[in-house]
Amino acid sequence: MPKIPETSLIKSLEEVLELERNALVRGELDRLHHTAPEKEKLIGAINDLDVFGSDELISLQKKVERNQELLNSAAEGIRAVANRMAELRRVRQEFSTYGADGQRSEFAVRHQAKLEKRA
């Protein structure tokens, strides 16, 4: 049976991991910078205990892996949005088409074109 300090550290880390998971699931990525330092500190403290193979640590490992998958998915989603936004900017700046010969032709889009309303 783990000692009281070990149990306390494990419970604290489980709470932090659950907060992190909730933030990821809800898309509240700005909250992650609050949990990261505490998570690192607790993981470091648990690593210093040299306790391996307990059921509690195996459960913690699974939760860490679950959160890492969520973090990877969030990062992938952010990259997809950034790529889409870049593509939309590119589309606004140029028009491209293919000719009968299969060659691509690009035309700059004028940004200053305005419809003037006269009374």
Protein backbone atom coordinates (compact mmCIF):
# COMPACT_ATOMS: atom_id res chain seq x y z
CA MET A 1 0.00 0.00 0.00
CA PRO A 2 1.44 3.43 -0.91
CA LYS A 3 2.53 5.84 1.77
CA ILE A 4 0.43 8.93 2.50
CA PRO A 5 2.70 11.39 0.59
CA GLU A 6 2.67 9.13 -2.46
CA THR A 7 -1.12 8.85 -2.35
CA SER A 8 -1.44 12.60 -1.95
CA LEU A 9 0.81 13.27 -4.93
CA ILE A 10 -1.05 10.75 -7.08
CA LYS A 11 -4.46 12.20 -6.14
CA SER A 12 -3.21 15.73 -6.85
CA LEU A 13 -1.89 14.68 -10.25
CA GLU A 14 -5.16 12.90 -11.06
CA GLU A 15 -7.03 16.13 -10.28
CA VAL A 16 -4.72 18.18 -12.50
CA LEU A 17 -5.03 15.65 -15.32
CA GLU A 18 -8.82 15.78 -15.03
CA LEU A 19 -8.78 19.60 -15.17
CA GLU A 20 -6.53 19.38 -18.23
CA ARG A 21 -8.84 16.85 -19.89
CA ASN A 22 -11.91 18.98 -19.23
CA ALA A 23 -10.20 22.04 -20.71
CA LEU A 24 -9.22 20.06 -23.81
CA VAL A 25 -12.66 18.54 -24.31
CA ARG A 26 -14.34 21.94 -23.93
CA GLY A 27 -11.83 23.62 -26.24
CA GLU A 28 -10.66 25.96 -23.48
CA LEU A 29 -7.03 25.77 -24.56
CA ASP A 30 -6.16 29.00 -22.76
CA ARG A 31 -6.65 27.19 -19.45
CA LEU A 32 -3.86 24.71 -20.22
CA HIS A 33 -1.10 27.12 -19.29
CA HIS A 34 -2.47 27.09 -15.73
CA THR A 35 -2.29 23.31 -15.37
CA ALA A 36 1.07 22.67 -17.07
CA PRO A 37 3.43 23.93 -14.31
CA GLU A 38 1.53 22.06 -11.59
CA LYS A 39 1.45 18.89 -13.69
CA GLU A 40 5.20 19.07 -14.33
CA LYS A 41 5.91 19.64 -10.64
CA LEU A 42 3.77 16.69 -9.56
CA ILE A 43 5.21 14.35 -12.19
CA GLY A 44 8.71 15.33 -11.09
CA ALA A 45 7.86 14.65 -7.45
CA ILE A 46 6.36 11.25 -8.29
CA ASN A 47 9.41 10.37 -10.41
CA ASP A 48 11.65 11.20 -7.43
CA LEU A 49 9.80 8.63 -5.29
CA ASP A 50 11.08 5.69 -7.38
CA VAL A 51 7.73 3.90 -7.12
CA PHE A 52 6.97 1.75 -10.14
CA GLY A 53 4.29 -0.69 -11.20
CA SER A 54 1.51 0.17 -8.79
CA ASP A 55 -2.05 0.12 -10.11
CA GLU A 56 -2.36 3.83 -9.30
CA LEU A 57 0.66 4.69 -11.44
CA ILE A 58 -0.62 2.55 -14.30
CA SER A 59 -3.92 4.42 -14.10
CA LEU A 60 -2.04 7.73 -14.10
CA GLN A 61 -0.06 6.66 -17.16
CA LYS A 62 -3.27 5.90 -19.02
CA LYS A 63 -4.68 9.32 -18.12
CA VAL A 64 -1.49 11.05 -19.26
CA GLU A 65 -1.60 9.15 -22.56
CA ARG A 66 -5.30 10.03 -23.01
CA ASN A 67 -4.58 13.71 -22.44
CA GLN A 68 -1.62 13.58 -24.82
CA GLU A 69 -3.89 12.22 -27.55
CA LEU A 70 -6.33 15.07 -26.88
CA LEU A 71 -3.47 17.58 -27.01
CA ASN A 72 -2.29 16.14 -30.32
CA SER A 73 -5.81 16.35 -31.73
CA ALA A 74 -6.15 19.97 -30.59
CA ALA A 75 -2.82 20.86 -32.20
CA GLU A 76 -3.88 19.13 -35.41
CA GLY A 77 -7.13 21.09 -35.43
CA ILE A 78 -5.29 24.36 -34.91
CA ARG A 79 -2.94 23.55 -37.79
CA ALA A 80 -5.93 22.74 -40.03
CA VAL A 81 -7.56 26.07 -39.20
CA ALA A 82 -4.32 27.96 -39.83
CA ASN A 83 -3.91 26.21 -43.21
CA ARG A 84 -7.51 26.98 -44.15
CA MET A 85 -7.12 30.64 -43.20
CA ALA A 86 -3.92 30.88 -45.26
CA GLU A 87 -5.73 29.35 -48.22
CA LEU A 88 -8.60 31.83 -47.87
CA ARG A 89 -6.12 34.72 -47.78
CA ARG A 90 -4.45 33.39 -50.90
CA VAL A 91 -7.79 33.06 -52.69
CA ARG A 92 -8.64 36.68 -51.87
CA GLN A 93 -5.33 37.87 -53.29
CA GLU A 94 -5.25 35.97 -56.56
CA PHE A 95 -7.43 34.17 -59.04
CA SER A 96 -6.05 31.15 -60.84
CA THR A 97 -7.39 29.15 -63.73
CA TYR A 98 -6.16 26.55 -66.20
CA GLY A 99 -6.03 27.15 -69.92
CA ALA A 100 -6.79 24.74 -72.75
CA ASP A 101 -3.11 23.78 -72.76
CA GLY A 102 -3.35 22.71 -69.09
CA GLN A 103 -1.12 25.54 -67.88
CA ARG A 104 -2.08 27.42 -64.77
CA SER A 105 -2.60 31.16 -65.06
CA GLU A 106 -2.75 33.43 -62.04
CA PHE A 107 -4.26 36.89 -61.91
CA ALA A 108 -3.90 39.38 -59.07
CA VAL A 109 -7.16 40.54 -57.54
CA ARG A 110 -7.56 44.30 -57.18
CA HIS A 111 -8.25 45.34 -53.61
CA GLN A 112 -9.15 48.96 -54.28
CA ALA A 113 -12.19 48.26 -56.42
CA LYS A 114 -15.14 50.03 -54.87
CA LEU A 115 -18.61 50.80 -56.02
CA GLU A 116 -19.18 54.51 -55.86
CA LYS A 117 -22.64 55.70 -55.04
CA ARG A 118 -23.60 59.09 -56.48
CA ALA A 119 -26.60 61.09 -55.58
